[in-house]
PDB file of N, CA and C in Angstrom:
ATOM      1  N   MET A   1     -28.175  13.375 -11.309  1.00  0.00           N
ATOM      2  CA  MET A   1     -26.774  13.465 -11.633  1.00  0.00           C
ATOM      3  C   MET A   1     -25.931  13.691 -10.373  1.00  0.00           C
ATOM      4  N   ALA A   2     -26.467  14.426  -9.423  1.00  0.00           N
ATOM      5  CA  ALA A   2     -25.738  14.680  -8.179  1.00  0.00           C
ATOM      6  C   ALA A   2     -25.575  13.391  -7.380  1.00  0.00           C
ATOM      7  N   VAL A   3     -26.542  12.489  -7.516  1.00  0.00           N
ATOM      8  CA  VAL A   3     -26.453  11.220  -6.801  1.00  0.00           C
ATOM      9  C   VAL A   3     -25.285  10.402  -7.337  1.00  0.00           C
ATOM     10  N   ASN A   4     -25.088  10.399  -8.649  1.00  0.00           N
ATOM     11  CA  ASN A   4     -23.972   9.666  -9.244  1.00  0.00           C
ATOM     12  C   ASN A   4     -22.626  10.216  -8.795  1.00  0.00           C
ATOM     13  N   LEU A   5     -22.520  11.521  -8.658  1.00  0.00           N
ATOM     14  CA  LEU A   5     -21.274  12.112  -8.191  1.00  0.00           C
ATOM     15  C   LEU A   5     -20.967  11.682  -6.761  1.00  0.00           C
ATOM     16  N   LYS A   6     -21.982  11.612  -5.932  1.00  0.00           N
ATOM     17  CA  LYS A   6     -21.775  11.189  -4.551  1.00  0.00           C
ATOM     18  C   LYS A   6     -21.335   9.734  -4.485  1.00  0.00           C
ATOM     19  N   LYS A   7     -21.909   8.903  -5.326  1.00  0.00           N
ATOM     20  CA  LYS A   7     -21.536   7.494  -5.329  1.00  0.00           C
ATOM     21  C   LYS A   7     -20.098   7.302  -5.797  1.00  0.00           C
ATOM     22  N   THR A   8     -19.696   8.021  -6.814  1.00  0.00           N
ATOM     23  CA  THR A   8     -18.324   7.860  -7.296  1.00  0.00           C
ATOM     24  C   THR A   8     -17.324   8.402  -6.289  1.00  0.00           C
ATOM     25  N   SER A   9     -17.661   9.494  -5.638  1.00  0.00           N
ATOM     26  CA  SER A   9     -16.718  10.015  -4.657  1.00  0.00           C
ATOM     27  C   SER A   9     -16.623   9.069  -3.466  1.00  0.00           C
ATOM     28  N   LEU A  10     -17.714   8.426  -3.099  1.00  0.00           N
ATOM     29  CA  LEU A  10     -17.678   7.444  -2.020  1.00  0.00           C
ATOM     30  C   LEU A  10     -16.843   6.235  -2.425  1.00  0.00           C
ATOM     31  N   LYS A  11     -16.975   5.795  -3.665  1.00  0.00           N
ATOM     32  CA  LYS A  11     -16.171   4.681  -4.156  1.00  0.00           C
ATOM     33  C   LYS A  11     -14.686   5.044  -4.175  1.00  0.00           C
ATOM     34  N   GLN A  12     -14.370   6.263  -4.573  1.00  0.00           N
ATOM     35  CA  GLN A  12     -12.973   6.697  -4.594  1.00  0.00           C
ATOM     36  C   GLN A  12     -12.392   6.733  -3.187  1.00  0.00           C
ATOM     37  N   LYS A  13     -13.176   7.209  -2.218  1.00  0.00           N
ATOM     38  CA  LYS A  13     -12.706   7.242  -0.840  1.00  0.00           C
ATOM     39  C   LYS A  13     -12.472   5.835  -0.309  1.00  0.00           C
ATOM     40  N   MET A  14     -13.354   4.921  -0.627  1.00  0.00           N
ATOM     41  CA  MET A  14     -13.210   3.541  -0.155  1.00  0.00           C
ATOM     42  C   MET A  14     -11.998   2.883  -0.804  1.00  0.00           C
ATOM     43  N   SER A  15     -11.724   3.168  -2.077  1.00  0.00           N
ATOM     44  CA  SER A  15     -10.567   2.566  -2.732  1.00  0.00           C
ATOM     45  C   SER A  15      -9.271   3.127  -2.150  1.00  0.00           C
ATOM     46  N   ARG A  16      -9.271   4.379  -1.728  1.00  0.00           N
ATOM     47  CA  ARG A  16      -8.079   4.949  -1.101  1.00  0.00           C
ATOM     48  C   ARG A  16      -7.827   4.298   0.254  1.00  0.00           C
ATOM     49  N   ARG A  17      -8.879   4.039   0.990  1.00  0.00           N
ATOM     50  CA  ARG A  17      -8.729   3.414   2.300  1.00  0.00           C
ATOM     51  C   ARG A  17      -8.297   1.963   2.195  1.00  0.00           C
ATOM     52  N   SER A  18      -8.770   1.260   1.199  1.00  0.00           N
ATOM     53  CA  SER A  18      -8.472  -0.162   1.077  1.00  0.00           C
ATOM     54  C   SER A  18      -7.100  -0.425   0.446  1.00  0.00           C
ATOM     55  N   ALA A  19      -6.461   0.607  -0.064  1.00  0.00           N
ATOM     56  CA  ALA A  19      -5.132   0.431  -0.645  1.00  0.00           C
ATOM     57  C   ALA A  19      -4.166   0.044   0.466  1.00  0.00           C
ATOM     58  N   LEU A  20      -3.105  -0.652   0.094  1.00  0.00           N
ATOM     59  CA  LEU A  20      -2.121  -1.105   1.055  1.00  0.00           C
ATOM     60  C   LEU A  20      -1.482   0.102   1.738  1.00  0.00           C
ATOM     61  N   PRO A  21      -1.604   0.207   3.057  1.00  0.00           N
ATOM     62  CA  PRO A  21      -1.139   1.415   3.739  1.00  0.00           C
ATOM     63  C   PRO A  21       0.363   1.449   3.986  1.00  0.00           C
ATOM     64  N   PHE A  22       1.077   0.363   3.701  1.00  0.00           N
ATOM     65  CA  PHE A  22       2.509   0.340   3.978  1.00  0.00           C
ATOM     66  C   PHE A  22       3.281   1.064   2.884  1.00  0.00           C
ATOM     67  N   THR A  23       4.213   1.868   3.333  1.00  0.00           N
ATOM     68  CA  THR A  23       5.066   2.603   2.406  1.00  0.00           C
ATOM     69  C   THR A  23       6.488   2.063   2.511  1.00  0.00           C
ATOM     70  N   ARG A  24       7.378   2.709   1.816  1.00  0.00           N
ATOM     71  CA  ARG A  24       8.777   2.282   1.824  1.00  0.00           C
ATOM     72  C   ARG A  24       9.354   2.365   3.238  1.00  0.00           C
ATOM     73  N   GLU A  25       8.983   3.400   3.972  1.00  0.00           N
ATOM     74  CA  GLU A  25       9.483   3.577   5.332  1.00  0.00           C
ATOM     75  C   GLU A  25       9.020   2.454   6.250  1.00  0.00           C
ATOM     76  N   ASN A  26       7.797   1.983   6.063  1.00  0.00           N
ATOM     77  CA  ASN A  26       7.294   0.870   6.865  1.00  0.00           C
ATOM     78  C   ASN A  26       8.111  -0.391   6.626  1.00  0.00           C
ATOM     79  N   TYR A  27       8.414  -0.664   5.389  1.00  0.00           N
ATOM     80  CA  TYR A  27       9.194  -1.859   5.078  1.00  0.00           C
ATOM     81  C   TYR A  27      10.625  -1.741   5.595  1.00  0.00           C
ATOM     82  N   ILE A  28      11.200  -0.548   5.526  1.00  0.00           N
ATOM     83  CA  ILE A  28      12.548  -0.350   6.064  1.00  0.00           C
ATOM     84  C   ILE A  28      12.558  -0.595   7.563  1.00  0.00           C
ATOM     85  N   LEU A  29      11.594  -0.038   8.276  1.00  0.00           N
ATOM     86  CA  LEU A  29      11.502  -0.267   9.722  1.00  0.00           C
ATOM     87  C   LEU A  29      11.290  -1.742  10.040  1.00  0.00           C
ATOM     88  N   PHE A  30      10.466  -2.402   9.243  1.00  0.00           N
ATOM     89  CA  PHE A  30      10.209  -3.812   9.474  1.00  0.00           C
ATOM     90  C   PHE A  30      11.477  -4.645   9.298  1.00  0.00           C
ATOM     91  N   PHE A  31      12.239  -4.386   8.246  1.00  0.00           N
ATOM     92  CA  PHE A  31      13.459  -5.156   8.018  1.00  0.00           C
ATOM     93  C   PHE A  31      14.545  -4.814   9.034  1.00  0.00           C
ATOM     94  N   ILE A  32      14.551  -3.587   9.547  1.00  0.00           N
ATOM     95  CA  ILE A  32      15.455  -3.250  10.647  1.00  0.00           C
ATOM     96  C   ILE A  32      15.093  -4.079  11.870  1.00  0.00           C
ATOM     97  N   GLY A  33      13.794  -4.223  12.143  1.00  0.00           N
ATOM     98  CA  GLY A  33      13.358  -5.050  13.265  1.00  0.00           C
ATOM     99  C   GLY A  33      13.740  -6.505  13.094  1.00  0.00           C
ATOM    100  N   VAL A  34      13.570  -7.028  11.902  1.00  0.00           N
ATOM    101  CA  VAL A  34      13.943  -8.426  11.638  1.00  0.00           C
ATOM    102  C   VAL A  34      15.454  -8.600  11.784  1.00  0.00           C
ATOM    103  N   ALA A  35      16.218  -7.632  11.309  1.00  0.00           N
ATOM    104  CA  ALA A  35      17.682  -7.700  11.444  1.00  0.00           C
ATOM    105  C   ALA A  35      18.098  -7.659  12.913  1.00  0.00           C
ATOM    106  N   LEU A  36      17.444  -6.808  13.709  1.00  0.00           N
ATOM    107  CA  LEU A  36      17.745  -6.764  15.140  1.00  0.00           C
ATOM    108  C   LEU A  36      17.436  -8.091  15.815  1.00  0.00           C
ATOM    109  N   ILE A  37      16.347  -8.696  15.431  1.00  0.00           N
ATOM    110  CA  ILE A  37      15.975  -9.988  16.019  1.00  0.00           C
ATOM    111  C   ILE A  37      16.999 -11.057  15.642  1.00  0.00           C
ATOM    112  N   LEU A  38      17.403 -11.094  14.390  1.00  0.00           N
ATOM    113  CA  LEU A  38      18.411 -12.071  13.965  1.00  0.00           C
ATOM    114  C   LEU A  38      19.746 -11.844  14.664  1.00  0.00           C
ATOM    115  N   ILE A  39      20.152 -10.580  14.768  1.00  0.00           N
ATOM    116  CA  ILE A  39      21.403 -10.272  15.465  1.00  0.00           C
ATOM    117  C   ILE A  39      21.305 -10.671  16.932  1.00  0.00           C
ATOM    118  N   GLY A  40      20.153 -10.455  17.538  1.00  0.00           N
ATOM    119  CA  GLY A  40      19.964 -10.837  18.931  1.00  0.00           C
ATOM    120  C   GLY A  40      20.071 -12.333  19.147  1.00  0.00           C
ATOM    121  N   TYR A  41      19.475 -13.109  18.266  1.00  0.00           N
ATOM    122  CA  TYR A  41      19.562 -14.567  18.409  1.00  0.00           C
ATOM    123  C   TYR A  41      20.976 -15.087  18.131  1.00  0.00           C
ATOM    124  N   VAL A  42      21.664 -14.482  17.177  1.00  0.00           N
ATOM    125  CA  VAL A  42      23.049 -14.880  16.922  1.00  0.00           C
ATOM    126  C   VAL A  42      23.918 -14.546  18.131  1.00  0.00           C
ATOM    127  N   ALA A  43      23.716 -13.375  18.714  1.00  0.00           N
ATOM    128  CA  ALA A  43      24.479 -12.991  19.903  1.00  0.00           C
ATOM    129  C   ALA A  43      24.141 -13.900  21.080  1.00  0.00           C
ATOM    130  N   LEU A  44      22.905 -14.316  21.178  1.00  0.00           N
ATOM    131  CA  LEU A  44      22.491 -15.210  22.254  1.00  0.00           C
ATOM    132  C   LEU A  44      23.151 -16.577  22.114  1.00  0.00           C
ATOM    133  N   ALA A  45      23.283 -17.042  20.889  1.00  0.00           N
ATOM    134  CA  ALA A  45      23.855 -18.368  20.657  1.00  0.00           C
ATOM    135  C   ALA A  45      25.380 -18.369  20.692  1.00  0.00           C
ATOM    136  N   SER A  46      26.005 -17.255  20.368  1.00  0.00           N
ATOM    137  CA  SER A  46      27.460 -17.263  20.249  1.00  0.00           C
ATOM    138  C   SER A  46      28.185 -16.950  21.549  1.00  0.00           C
ATOM    139  N   GLY A  47      27.537 -16.325  22.488  1.00  0.00           N
ATOM    140  CA  GLY A  47      28.208 -15.974  23.736  1.00  0.00           C
ATOM    141  C   GLY A  47      28.333 -17.166  24.661  1.00  0.00           C
ATOM    142  N   THR A  48      29.228 -17.030  25.650  1.00  0.00           N
ATOM    143  CA  THR A  48      29.332 -18.085  26.648  1.00  0.00           C
ATOM    144  C   THR A  48      28.109 -18.032  27.545  1.00  0.00           C
ATOM    145  N   VAL A  49      27.930 -19.087  28.347  1.00  0.00           N
ATOM    146  CA  VAL A  49      26.727 -19.185  29.168  1.00  0.00           C
ATOM    147  C   VAL A  49      26.638 -18.034  30.166  1.00  0.00           C
ATOM    148  N   ASN A  50      27.732 -17.656  30.785  1.00  0.00           N
ATOM    149  CA  ASN A  50      27.716 -16.597  31.775  1.00  0.00           C
ATOM    150  C   ASN A  50      28.319 -15.296  31.260  1.00  0.00           C
ATOM    151  N   GLY A  51      28.403 -15.141  29.975  1.00  0.00           N
ATOM    152  CA  GLY A  51      29.012 -13.947  29.393  1.00  0.00           C
ATOM    153  C   GLY A  51      28.033 -12.787  29.312  1.00  0.00           C
ATOM    154  N   ILE A  52      28.588 -11.595  29.198  1.00  0.00           N
ATOM    155  CA  ILE A  52      27.761 -10.392  29.115  1.00  0.00           C
ATOM    156  C   ILE A  52      26.982 -10.340  27.803  1.00  0.00           C
ATOM    157  N   LEU A  53      27.527 -10.949  26.750  1.00  0.00           N
ATOM    158  CA  LEU A  53      26.864 -10.934  25.449  1.00  0.00           C
ATOM    159  C   LEU A  53      25.557 -11.715  25.485  1.00  0.00           C
ATOM    160  N   SER A  54      25.587 -12.904  26.056  1.00  0.00           N
ATOM    161  CA  SER A  54      24.388 -13.733  26.036  1.00  0.00           C
ATOM    162  C   SER A  54      23.423 -13.424  27.181  1.00  0.00           C
ATOM    163  N   LEU A  55      23.900 -12.843  28.261  1.00  0.00           N
ATOM    164  CA  LEU A  55      23.017 -12.558  29.390  1.00  0.00           C
ATOM    165  C   LEU A  55      22.433 -11.153  29.371  1.00  0.00           C
ATOM    166  N   THR A  56      23.123 -10.201  28.786  1.00  0.00           N
ATOM    167  CA  THR A  56      22.666  -8.815  28.850  1.00  0.00           C
ATOM    168  C   THR A  56      22.396  -8.215  27.472  1.00  0.00           C
ATOM    169  N   LEU A  57      23.376  -8.257  26.614  1.00  0.00           N
ATOM    170  CA  LEU A  57      23.279  -7.558  25.338  1.00  0.00           C
ATOM    171  C   LEU A  57      22.263  -8.203  24.387  1.00  0.00           C
ATOM    172  N   ALA A  58      22.268  -9.504  24.260  1.00  0.00           N
ATOM    173  CA  ALA A  58      21.353 -10.187  23.343  1.00  0.00           C
ATOM    174  C   ALA A  58      19.883  -9.981  23.726  1.00  0.00           C
ATOM    175  N   PRO A  59      19.495 -10.111  25.004  1.00  0.00           N
ATOM    176  CA  PRO A  59      18.093  -9.836  25.339  1.00  0.00           C
ATOM    177  C   PRO A  59      17.668  -8.390  25.087  1.00  0.00           C
ATOM    178  N   ILE A  60      18.593  -7.441  25.290  1.00  0.00           N
ATOM    179  CA  ILE A  60      18.266  -6.040  24.999  1.00  0.00           C
ATOM    180  C   ILE A  60      18.030  -5.846  23.511  1.00  0.00           C
ATOM    181  N   ILE A  61      18.865  -6.448  22.677  1.00  0.00           N
ATOM    182  CA  ILE A  61      18.700  -6.339  21.221  1.00  0.00           C
ATOM    183  C   ILE A  61      17.391  -6.995  20.786  1.00  0.00           C
ATOM    184  N   LEU A  62      17.076  -8.144  21.364  1.00  0.00           N
ATOM    185  CA  LEU A  62      15.824  -8.819  21.020  1.00  0.00           C
ATOM    186  C   LEU A  62      14.611  -7.976  21.423  1.00  0.00           C
ATOM    187  N   CYS A  63      14.668  -7.374  22.588  1.00  0.00           N
ATOM    188  CA  CYS A  63      13.554  -6.516  23.024  1.00  0.00           C
ATOM    189  C   CYS A  63      13.398  -5.307  22.115  1.00  0.00           C
ATOM    190  N   LEU A  64      14.517  -4.725  21.681  1.00  0.00           N
ATOM    191  CA  LEU A  64      14.437  -3.601  20.748  1.00  0.00           C
ATOM    192  C   LEU A  64      13.755  -4.016  19.447  1.00  0.00           C
ATOM    193  N   GLY A  65      14.081  -5.201  18.960  1.00  0.00           N
ATOM    194  CA  GLY A  65      13.473  -5.669  17.716  1.00  0.00           C
ATOM    195  C   GLY A  65      12.002  -5.981  17.865  1.00  0.00           C
ATOM    196  N   TYR A  66      11.658  -6.746  18.918  1.00  0.00           N
ATOM    197  CA  TYR A  66      10.282  -7.182  19.109  1.00  0.00           C
ATOM    198  C   TYR A  66       9.361  -6.082  19.628  1.00  0.00           C
ATOM    199  N   LEU A  67       9.852  -5.230  20.506  1.00  0.00           N
ATOM    200  CA  LEU A  67       8.972  -4.281  21.186  1.00  0.00           C
ATOM    201  C   LEU A  67       9.000  -2.868  20.617  1.00  0.00           C
ATOM    202  N   ILE A  68      10.006  -2.539  19.831  1.00  0.00           N
ATOM    203  CA  ILE A  68      10.085  -1.179  19.307  1.00  0.00           C
ATOM    204  C   ILE A  68      10.047  -1.148  17.779  1.00  0.00           C
ATOM    205  N   ALA A  69      10.940  -1.866  17.130  1.00  0.00           N
ATOM    206  CA  ALA A  69      11.076  -1.734  15.674  1.00  0.00           C
ATOM    207  C   ALA A  69       9.884  -2.325  14.913  1.00  0.00           C
ATOM    208  N   ILE A  70       9.475  -3.542  15.256  1.00  0.00           N
ATOM    209  CA  ILE A  70       8.350  -4.168  14.535  1.00  0.00           C
ATOM    210  C   ILE A  70       7.038  -3.415  14.777  1.00  0.00           C
ATOM    211  N   PRO A  71       6.665  -3.079  16.028  1.00  0.00           N
ATOM    212  CA  PRO A  71       5.443  -2.285  16.207  1.00  0.00           C
ATOM    213  C   PRO A  71       5.516  -0.907  15.554  1.00  0.00           C
ATOM    214  N   ALA A  72       6.687  -0.282  15.557  1.00  0.00           N
ATOM    215  CA  ALA A  72       6.829   1.018  14.889  1.00  0.00           C
ATOM    216  C   ALA A  72       6.581   0.879  13.394  1.00  0.00           C
ATOM    217  N   ALA A  73       7.025  -0.215  12.816  1.00  0.00           N
ATOM    218  CA  ALA A  73       6.796  -0.434  11.384  1.00  0.00           C
ATOM    219  C   ALA A  73       5.312  -0.628  11.086  1.00  0.00           C
ATOM    220  N   LEU A  74       4.585  -1.235  11.997  1.00  0.00           N
ATOM    221  CA  LEU A  74       3.157  -1.460  11.782  1.00  0.00           C
ATOM    222  C   LEU A  74       2.323  -0.212  12.035  1.00  0.00           C
ATOM    223  N   ILE A  75       2.760   0.638  12.941  1.00  0.00           N
ATOM    224  CA  ILE A  75       1.969   1.803  13.341  1.00  0.00           C
ATOM    225  C   ILE A  75       2.293   3.039  12.516  1.00  0.00           C
ATOM    226  N   TYR A  76       3.528   3.192  12.068  1.00  0.00           N
ATOM    227  CA  TYR A  76       3.969   4.416  11.401  1.00  0.00           C
ATOM    228  C   TYR A  76       3.128   4.701  10.164  1.00  0.00           C
ATOM    229  N   ARG A  77       2.715   5.964  10.050  1.00  0.00           N
ATOM    230  CA  ARG A  77       1.971   6.404   8.873  1.00  0.00           C
ATOM    231  C   ARG A  77       2.349   7.855   8.590  1.00  0.00           C
ATOM    232  N   LYS A  78       2.534   8.192   7.334  1.00  0.00           N
ATOM    233  CA  LYS A  78       2.837   9.562   6.976  1.00  0.00           C
ATOM    234  C   LYS A  78       1.638  10.452   7.249  1.00  0.00           C
ATOM    235  N   LYS A  79       1.921  11.705   7.568  1.00  0.00           N
ATOM    236  CA  LYS A  79       0.857  12.678   7.731  1.00  0.00           C
ATOM    237  C   LYS A  79       0.362  13.099   6.345  1.00  0.00           C
ATOM    238  N   ASN A  80      -0.831  13.664   6.268  1.00  0.00           N
ATOM    239  CA  ASN A  80      -1.410  14.025   4.984  1.00  0.00           C
ATOM    240  C   ASN A  80      -0.559  15.053   4.240  1.00  0.00           C
ATOM    241  N   GLY A  81       0.089  15.958   4.946  1.00  0.00           N
ATOM    242  CA  GLY A  81       0.907  16.971   4.312  1.00  0.00           C
ATOM    243  C   GLY A  81       2.181  16.431   3.699  1.00  0.00           C
ATOM    244  N   GLU A  82       2.650  15.250   4.162  1.00  0.00           N
ATOM    245  CA  GLU A  82       3.896  14.675   3.677  1.00  0.00           C
ATOM    246  C   GLU A  82       3.705  13.863   2.405  1.00  0.00           C
ATOM    247  N   ASP A  83       2.485  13.503   2.065  1.00  0.00           N
ATOM    248  CA  ASP A  83       2.251  12.697   0.862  1.00  0.00           C
ATOM    249  C   ASP A  83       2.563  13.519  -0.378  1.00  0.00           C
ATOM    250  N   ALA A  84       3.276  12.939  -1.288  1.00  0.00           N
ATOM    251  CA  ALA A  84       3.619  13.660  -2.518  1.00  0.00           C
ATOM    252  C   ALA A  84       2.849  13.129  -3.683  1.00  0.00           C
TER     253      ALA A  84
END
C-alpha cells in the first residue's frame, strides 16, 4: 500500500510540473513587450530620416521590448509563498 502512495504522489508532482507555467502576469508582460515592439516600429517608420524619433527613440523602444520585456515575461515566476 505504501508503494501505491509513492506512485500517486510522484504522478501528482509530475502533473504539477507539466502544467502551463505562465500566469496572468506573464501574459501581461508579454503583451507589454509586443506593444513596445509595435510602437518602436511605428516610431521608426513615421520619423524623418535624420530625426531624433527614428534615429534614437525608436531603437531604444525596440531594445526595451526585445531585450527586457519579452525575456522578463518568459523568465518571471511567482515564488511559492505568493501562490494562492
